[in-house]
Amino acid sequence: MKNKFLFAGLAACMVTSAAAQQNSEKAEPKGKAIVQVFGNFHSAFGAQNDDRGFELERSYLGYEYKLDNGLTVKGVMDMGKSSDVSDNNRLAYIKNASLSWKSGKLTLNGGLISTTQFNFQEKFWGYRYVMKSFQDQYKFGSSADLGISATYKFADWISADAIVVNGEGYKKIQKNDGLNYGLGATLTPISGLSIRLYAGINEASADGAKDILNAAAFVGYKAKHFSIGAEYNLMKNASNKKDADQQGYSIYATLNASKNVNLYARFDDLSSKNDWNIKKDEQAAILGAQIKVGKYVKIAPNFRMAMPKADGADEKYSAYVSCYFGL
């Protein structure tokens, strides 16, 4: 109960602080629709050659409205498929329902907000509609949750952020009393070079359960015609189980072949302590191209390889044509 009162108090302070900054000078409110649709056609080869077809992976529909004095209100619906492979029905969730306030070097967010655990890496990777970033792909954390976050930019080359959320993601109601706390820092020491560090603790509430610990480090470089990034991720006590540790790294690169064509490649490696999760441990690779068709449409043909680490497990090879529509 103390955690819930703490959360309520922090949220109230954020809203009160934002309201206190309002004055007689009001900017013209501006709004924009948020529409993003991810789909693909895919076909596997070899032992999995029966896995083929058209797929509508995810749709985001929402609206963002900028008020005066740095306030922004955002609401987004997420329509996707169930994580249960036997469930073919579409499910709808509220992905974001947030209030943001920016004043000078400080930014505050409250409500159902985007988390900071891997948001930076996802944006640098840049092909979320093709494949999720490493931590999202292997369920090291959730991309959105209910809580508050703050970011402060100390200088042009360094900023820090803190977040407190429920720790159960945006698809579940809060049924546990524990909270998820995270601290991060982003550095850009020279033009094009980015360094991101993050550490978090997701409290356990059940007797005998262990806190989940997360740590991540990322380094990336962007130039005019190419970008390259690498990240290392560690999760201890997955699902609140002692010594259920996982770790892995992801390396990705993009080459801008022309104004409307990009080439991209990525390699992932996931492993578990003492092979406790050997059935899901794997190496994975993707190679493809992105073609911009007008302002709102992207098409990305790509080839994927999944190489399980379990003895006797078959490797999987697939060809995809991923599609994106967004405003």
Protein backbone atom coordinates (compact mmCIF):
# COMPACT_ATOMS: atom_id res chain seq x y z
CA MET A 1 0.00 0.00 0.00
CA LYS A 2 2.89 2.38 0.75
CA ASN A 3 4.09 2.00 -2.84
CA LYS A 4 0.67 2.92 -4.20
CA PHE A 5 0.48 6.04 -2.02
CA LEU A 6 4.02 6.97 -3.12
CA PHE A 7 3.07 6.63 -6.77
CA ALA A 8 -0.08 8.71 -6.31
CA GLY A 9 1.87 11.41 -4.52
CA LEU A 10 4.56 11.61 -7.18
CA ALA A 11 1.98 11.79 -9.97
CA ALA A 12 0.11 14.57 -8.16
CA CYS A 13 3.35 16.54 -7.70
CA MET A 14 4.11 16.29 -11.41
CA VAL A 15 0.72 17.58 -12.47
CA THR A 16 0.80 20.34 -9.85
CA SER A 17 4.24 21.47 -10.99
CA ALA A 18 3.08 21.64 -14.60
CA ALA A 19 0.01 23.65 -13.69
CA ALA A 20 2.08 26.09 -11.67
CA GLN A 21 4.04 27.04 -14.77
CA GLN A 22 1.03 28.29 -16.69
CA ASN A 23 0.83 32.01 -17.33
CA SER A 24 -1.06 34.48 -19.48
CA GLU A 25 1.03 33.75 -22.60
CA LYS A 26 -0.58 30.74 -24.26
CA ALA A 27 0.66 29.06 -27.42
CA GLU A 28 -1.74 27.86 -30.08
CA PRO A 29 -2.71 24.20 -29.36
CA LYS A 30 -1.64 21.73 -32.03
CA GLY A 31 -2.64 18.13 -32.58
CA LYS A 32 -1.70 15.22 -34.84
CA ALA A 33 -3.12 11.80 -35.54
CA ILE A 34 -1.02 8.71 -34.80
CA VAL A 35 -1.56 5.89 -37.28
CA GLN A 36 0.92 3.03 -37.67
CA VAL A 37 0.25 -0.35 -39.28
CA PHE A 38 2.73 -3.27 -39.40
CA GLY A 39 2.17 -6.21 -41.71
CA ASN A 40 4.09 -8.83 -43.66
CA PHE A 41 4.04 -11.78 -46.00
CA HIS A 42 6.41 -14.57 -44.96
CA SER A 43 7.45 -18.07 -45.96
CA ALA A 44 9.73 -20.46 -44.09
CA PHE A 45 12.00 -23.07 -45.67
CA GLY A 46 13.03 -26.60 -44.80
CA ALA A 47 11.37 -28.37 -41.86
CA GLN A 48 9.21 -25.30 -41.17
CA ASN A 49 8.09 -24.75 -44.77
CA ASP A 50 4.41 -24.89 -43.76
CA ASP A 51 4.78 -21.53 -41.97
CA ARG A 52 3.70 -19.06 -44.62
CA GLY A 53 1.02 -16.45 -45.19
CA PHE A 54 -0.02 -12.83 -44.81
CA GLU A 55 0.07 -11.33 -41.33
CA LEU A 56 -1.22 -8.11 -39.79
CA GLU A 57 1.13 -7.86 -36.83
CA ARG A 58 0.13 -4.64 -35.13
CA SER A 59 -1.80 -1.39 -35.51
CA TYR A 60 -1.40 1.78 -33.45
CA LEU A 61 -4.19 4.34 -33.57
CA GLY A 62 -4.17 7.48 -31.46
CA TYR A 63 -3.84 11.22 -31.13
CA GLU A 64 -1.29 13.61 -29.64
CA TYR A 65 -2.29 17.13 -28.64
CA LYS A 66 0.14 19.87 -27.64
CA LEU A 67 -1.31 22.38 -25.21
CA ASP A 68 0.28 25.60 -24.00
CA ASN A 69 3.25 25.91 -21.63
CA GLY A 70 4.94 22.66 -22.64
CA LEU A 71 2.02 20.32 -21.90
CA THR A 72 1.26 17.40 -24.23
CA VAL A 73 -1.56 14.86 -23.98
CA LYS A 74 -1.26 11.54 -25.82
CA GLY A 75 -3.55 8.54 -26.24
CA VAL A 76 -2.76 5.44 -28.34
CA MET A 77 -4.57 2.15 -28.88
CA ASP A 78 -2.56 -0.97 -29.69
CA MET A 79 -4.27 -3.71 -31.71
CA GLY A 80 -2.24 -6.85 -32.12
CA LYS A 81 -2.17 -10.62 -31.70
CA SER A 82 -2.18 -12.62 -28.50
CA SER A 83 1.07 -14.05 -27.13
CA ASP A 84 -0.79 -17.38 -26.93
CA VAL A 85 0.02 -19.08 -30.25
CA SER A 86 -3.29 -21.00 -30.14
CA ASP A 87 -5.28 -17.75 -29.92
CA ASN A 88 -5.98 -16.32 -33.38
CA ASN A 89 -8.16 -13.46 -32.17
CA ARG A 90 -7.12 -9.81 -32.33
CA LEU A 91 -6.68 -8.02 -29.01
CA ALA A 92 -6.87 -4.29 -28.29
CA TYR A 93 -5.01 -2.50 -25.51
CA ILE A 94 -4.43 1.07 -24.41
CA LYS A 95 -0.73 1.53 -25.22
CA ASN A 96 -0.36 5.16 -24.08
CA ALA A 97 -2.56 7.49 -22.07
CA SER A 98 -0.15 10.11 -20.84
CA LEU A 99 0.46 13.70 -19.88
CA SER A 100 3.89 15.22 -20.58
CA TRP A 101 5.34 18.54 -19.48
CA LYS A 102 8.57 20.08 -20.78
CA SER A 103 10.20 23.14 -19.31
CA GLY A 104 13.76 24.04 -20.22
CA LYS A 105 15.99 21.04 -19.58
CA LEU A 106 13.38 19.04 -17.65
CA THR A 107 10.74 16.69 -19.10
CA LEU A 108 8.13 14.91 -16.96
CA ASN A 109 5.75 12.15 -18.08
CA GLY A 110 2.87 10.56 -16.21
CA GLY A 111 0.17 7.96 -16.89
CA LEU A 112 0.48 4.99 -19.21
CA ILE A 113 3.85 5.99 -20.62
CA SER A 114 6.62 4.61 -22.82
CA THR A 115 9.30 3.02 -20.68
CA THR A 116 12.97 3.98 -20.88
CA GLN A 117 14.48 0.49 -20.62
CA PHE A 118 15.08 0.00 -24.35
CA ASN A 119 13.33 2.92 -26.04
CA PHE A 120 16.63 4.50 -27.14
CA GLN A 121 17.94 1.26 -28.67
CA GLU A 122 14.65 0.67 -30.49
CA LYS A 123 14.79 4.10 -32.13
CA PHE A 124 18.44 3.64 -33.12
CA TRP A 125 17.69 0.21 -34.65
CA GLY A 126 14.94 1.95 -36.60
CA TYR A 127 13.06 -1.08 -38.00
CA ARG A 128 10.54 -1.89 -35.27
CA TYR A 129 7.97 -2.92 -37.89
CA VAL A 130 10.42 -5.51 -39.25
CA MET A 131 11.63 -6.91 -35.92
CA LYS A 132 11.44 -5.77 -32.30
CA SER A 133 14.63 -4.61 -30.61
CA PHE A 134 16.52 -7.23 -28.54
CA GLN A 135 14.98 -6.63 -25.12
CA ASP A 136 11.47 -6.42 -26.54
CA GLN A 137 11.98 -9.48 -28.75
CA TYR A 138 13.17 -11.67 -25.86
CA LYS A 139 10.86 -10.19 -23.19
CA PHE A 140 13.43 -8.49 -20.95
CA GLY A 141 10.82 -5.79 -20.25
CA SER A 142 7.75 -3.95 -21.49
CA SER A 143 7.68 -1.02 -23.90
CA ALA A 144 4.98 0.82 -21.90
CA ASP A 145 3.68 0.81 -18.33
CA LEU A 146 1.68 2.85 -15.83
CA GLY A 147 3.78 5.30 -13.82
CA ILE A 148 5.93 8.41 -14.07
CA SER A 149 9.30 9.31 -15.59
CA ALA A 150 11.63 12.30 -15.65
CA THR A 151 14.49 13.33 -17.94
CA TYR A 152 16.95 16.14 -17.31
CA LYS A 153 19.42 17.40 -19.90
CA PHE A 154 22.50 18.62 -18.04
CA ALA A 155 24.31 19.66 -21.23
CA ASP A 156 24.12 19.07 -24.96
CA TRP A 157 26.15 15.88 -24.55
CA ILE A 158 24.65 14.29 -21.41
CA SER A 159 21.20 13.63 -19.96
CA ALA A 160 19.82 11.40 -17.21
CA ASP A 161 16.42 9.83 -16.67
CA ALA A 162 14.49 8.07 -13.92
CA ILE A 163 11.30 6.04 -14.08
CA VAL A 164 8.89 4.43 -11.60
CA VAL A 165 6.18 2.15 -13.03
CA ASN A 166 4.04 -0.79 -11.96
CA GLY A 167 6.36 -3.29 -13.61
CA GLU A 168 3.63 -5.43 -15.19
CA GLY A 169 3.42 -3.78 -18.61
CA TYR A 170 0.46 -2.23 -20.37
CA LYS A 171 -1.45 -5.44 -21.14
CA LYS A 172 -2.15 -6.38 -17.53
CA ILE A 173 -3.86 -4.73 -14.59
CA GLN A 174 -1.72 -4.26 -11.49
CA LYS A 175 -2.18 -7.27 -9.22
CA ASN A 176 1.13 -7.08 -7.33
CA ASP A 177 2.28 -4.36 -4.91
CA GLY A 178 5.86 -4.17 -6.19
CA LEU A 179 7.12 -1.36 -8.43
CA ASN A 180 9.74 -1.17 -11.17
CA TYR A 181 12.45 1.47 -10.73
CA GLY A 182 14.94 2.45 -13.42
CA LEU A 183 17.82 4.89 -13.91
CA GLY A 184 19.47 5.72 -17.20
CA ALA A 185 22.07 8.02 -18.73
CA THR A 186 22.62 9.03 -22.35
CA LEU A 187 25.89 10.52 -23.58
CA THR A 188 26.84 12.00 -26.95
CA PRO A 189 30.52 12.93 -26.44
CA ILE A 190 31.10 13.66 -30.13
CA SER A 191 28.81 14.23 -33.09
CA GLY A 192 27.14 10.99 -34.19
CA LEU A 193 28.34 8.89 -31.24
CA SER A 194 25.75 7.78 -28.65
CA ILE A 195 26.27 5.87 -25.40
CA ARG A 196 23.35 4.62 -23.32
CA LEU A 197 23.48 2.99 -19.85
CA TYR A 198 20.49 1.67 -17.90
CA ALA A 199 19.85 -0.25 -14.67
CA GLY A 200 16.53 -1.22 -13.11
CA ILE A 201 14.93 -3.30 -10.38
CA ASN A 202 11.45 -4.80 -10.59
CA GLU A 203 10.30 -5.61 -7.07
CA ALA A 204 8.87 -9.03 -6.23
CA SER A 205 5.75 -9.10 -4.05
CA ALA A 206 5.14 -12.83 -3.51
CA ASP A 207 6.86 -14.73 -0.69
CA GLY A 208 10.01 -16.44 -1.89
CA ALA A 209 10.09 -14.57 -5.18
CA LYS A 210 13.19 -12.63 -6.22
CA ASP A 211 13.48 -9.09 -7.55
CA ILE A 212 14.14 -8.92 -11.27
CA LEU A 213 17.28 -6.95 -12.09
CA ASN A 214 17.98 -5.42 -15.52
CA ALA A 215 21.12 -3.82 -16.89
CA ALA A 216 21.92 -2.63 -20.41
CA ALA A 217 24.75 -0.88 -22.23
CA PHE A 218 24.60 0.49 -25.77
CA VAL A 219 27.07 2.20 -28.10
CA GLY A 220 26.10 3.49 -31.53
CA TYR A 221 27.44 5.72 -34.25
CA LYS A 222 25.45 7.49 -36.99
CA ALA A 223 27.01 9.12 -40.01
CA LYS A 224 25.46 10.56 -43.16
CA HIS A 225 25.47 7.31 -45.11
CA PHE A 226 25.56 4.59 -42.44
CA SER A 227 24.94 3.70 -38.81
CA ILE A 228 26.16 0.90 -36.54
CA GLY A 229 25.13 -0.03 -33.02
CA ALA A 230 25.82 -2.71 -30.40
CA GLU A 231 24.05 -3.47 -27.13
CA TYR A 232 24.59 -5.86 -24.22
CA ASN A 233 21.66 -6.84 -22.00
CA LEU A 234 21.43 -8.71 -18.69
CA MET A 235 18.35 -9.87 -16.78
CA LYS A 236 18.69 -11.63 -13.43
CA ASN A 237 15.91 -13.67 -11.79
CA ALA A 238 13.59 -13.76 -14.80
CA SER A 239 9.94 -14.31 -13.83
CA ASN A 240 11.08 -13.66 -10.21
CA LYS A 241 12.90 -17.01 -10.06
CA LYS A 242 16.28 -17.26 -8.35
CA ASP A 243 19.25 -17.72 -10.71
CA ALA A 244 16.99 -17.59 -13.78
CA ASP A 245 19.48 -15.26 -15.44
CA GLN A 246 19.60 -14.35 -19.12
CA GLN A 247 22.04 -12.31 -21.13
CA GLY A 248 22.64 -11.43 -24.73
CA TYR A 249 23.91 -8.96 -27.25
CA SER A 250 22.69 -7.46 -30.49
CA ILE A 251 24.71 -5.84 -33.29
CA TYR A 252 23.03 -3.96 -36.14
CA ALA A 253 23.96 -1.69 -39.02
CA THR A 254 22.31 0.34 -41.78
CA LEU A 255 23.73 1.54 -45.08
CA ASN A 256 21.92 4.35 -46.91
CA ALA A 257 22.19 3.15 -50.51
CA SER A 258 20.13 6.05 -51.88
CA LYS A 259 17.52 8.58 -50.79
CA ASN A 260 14.75 5.95 -50.68
CA VAL A 261 16.66 2.68 -50.19
CA ASN A 262 18.43 1.44 -47.05
CA LEU A 263 20.24 -1.86 -46.47
CA TYR A 264 20.26 -3.29 -42.94
CA ALA A 265 21.65 -6.28 -41.05
CA ARG A 266 21.42 -7.53 -37.47
CA PHE A 267 22.77 -10.39 -35.35
CA ASP A 268 21.40 -11.44 -31.92
CA ASP A 269 22.76 -13.90 -29.35
CA LEU A 270 20.63 -14.98 -26.36
CA SER A 271 21.84 -17.35 -23.62
CA SER A 272 20.78 -18.40 -20.11
CA LYS A 273 22.69 -19.25 -16.96
CA ASN A 274 23.43 -22.98 -16.75
CA ASP A 275 21.19 -23.42 -19.83
CA TRP A 276 18.01 -23.16 -17.77
CA ASN A 277 16.23 -21.66 -20.79
CA ILE A 278 18.04 -23.69 -23.45
CA LYS A 279 14.84 -24.33 -25.43
CA LYS A 280 14.61 -20.61 -26.20
CA ASP A 281 18.30 -19.72 -26.28
CA GLU A 282 19.37 -18.92 -29.81
CA GLN A 283 21.38 -16.95 -32.28
CA ALA A 284 19.41 -15.03 -34.89
CA ALA A 285 20.31 -12.99 -37.94
CA ILE A 286 18.41 -10.78 -40.37
CA LEU A 287 19.48 -9.17 -43.64
CA GLY A 288 17.28 -6.95 -45.75
CA ALA A 289 16.47 -3.71 -47.50
CA GLN A 290 13.98 -0.92 -46.87
CA ILE A 291 12.30 0.88 -49.76
CA LYS A 292 10.37 4.09 -49.11
CA VAL A 293 7.28 4.27 -51.32
CA GLY A 294 6.10 7.84 -50.99
CA LYS A 295 5.82 9.66 -47.67
CA TYR A 296 3.83 7.16 -45.62
CA VAL A 297 4.70 3.66 -46.88
CA LYS A 298 7.79 1.49 -46.41
CA ILE A 299 8.42 -2.00 -47.80
CA ALA A 300 11.22 -4.13 -46.38
CA PRO A 301 12.08 -7.51 -47.96
CA ASN A 302 14.33 -9.48 -45.61
CA PHE A 303 15.82 -12.91 -44.98
CA ARG A 304 15.99 -14.37 -41.45
CA MET A 305 17.87 -17.19 -39.77
CA ALA A 306 17.13 -18.60 -36.29
CA MET A 307 19.74 -20.98 -34.86
CA PRO A 308 18.60 -22.63 -31.60
CA LYS A 309 21.28 -23.66 -29.10
CA ALA A 310 19.44 -26.76 -27.90
CA ASP A 311 20.92 -30.06 -29.10
CA GLY A 312 19.02 -31.50 -32.03
CA ALA A 313 16.90 -28.38 -32.61
CA ASP A 314 16.38 -27.47 -36.26
CA GLU A 315 17.57 -24.19 -37.67
CA LYS A 316 14.87 -22.04 -39.26
CA TYR A 317 15.18 -19.98 -42.44
CA SER A 318 12.48 -17.53 -43.52
CA ALA A 319 11.86 -14.90 -46.17
CA TYR A 320 9.71 -11.89 -45.28
CA VAL A 321 8.30 -8.87 -47.00
CA SER A 322 7.51 -6.47 -44.13
CA CYS A 323 5.27 -3.46 -44.73
CA TYR A 324 4.71 -0.23 -42.82
CA PHE A 325 2.12 2.49 -43.12
CA GLY A 326 2.29 5.49 -40.83
CA LEU A 327 1.34 9.12 -40.49
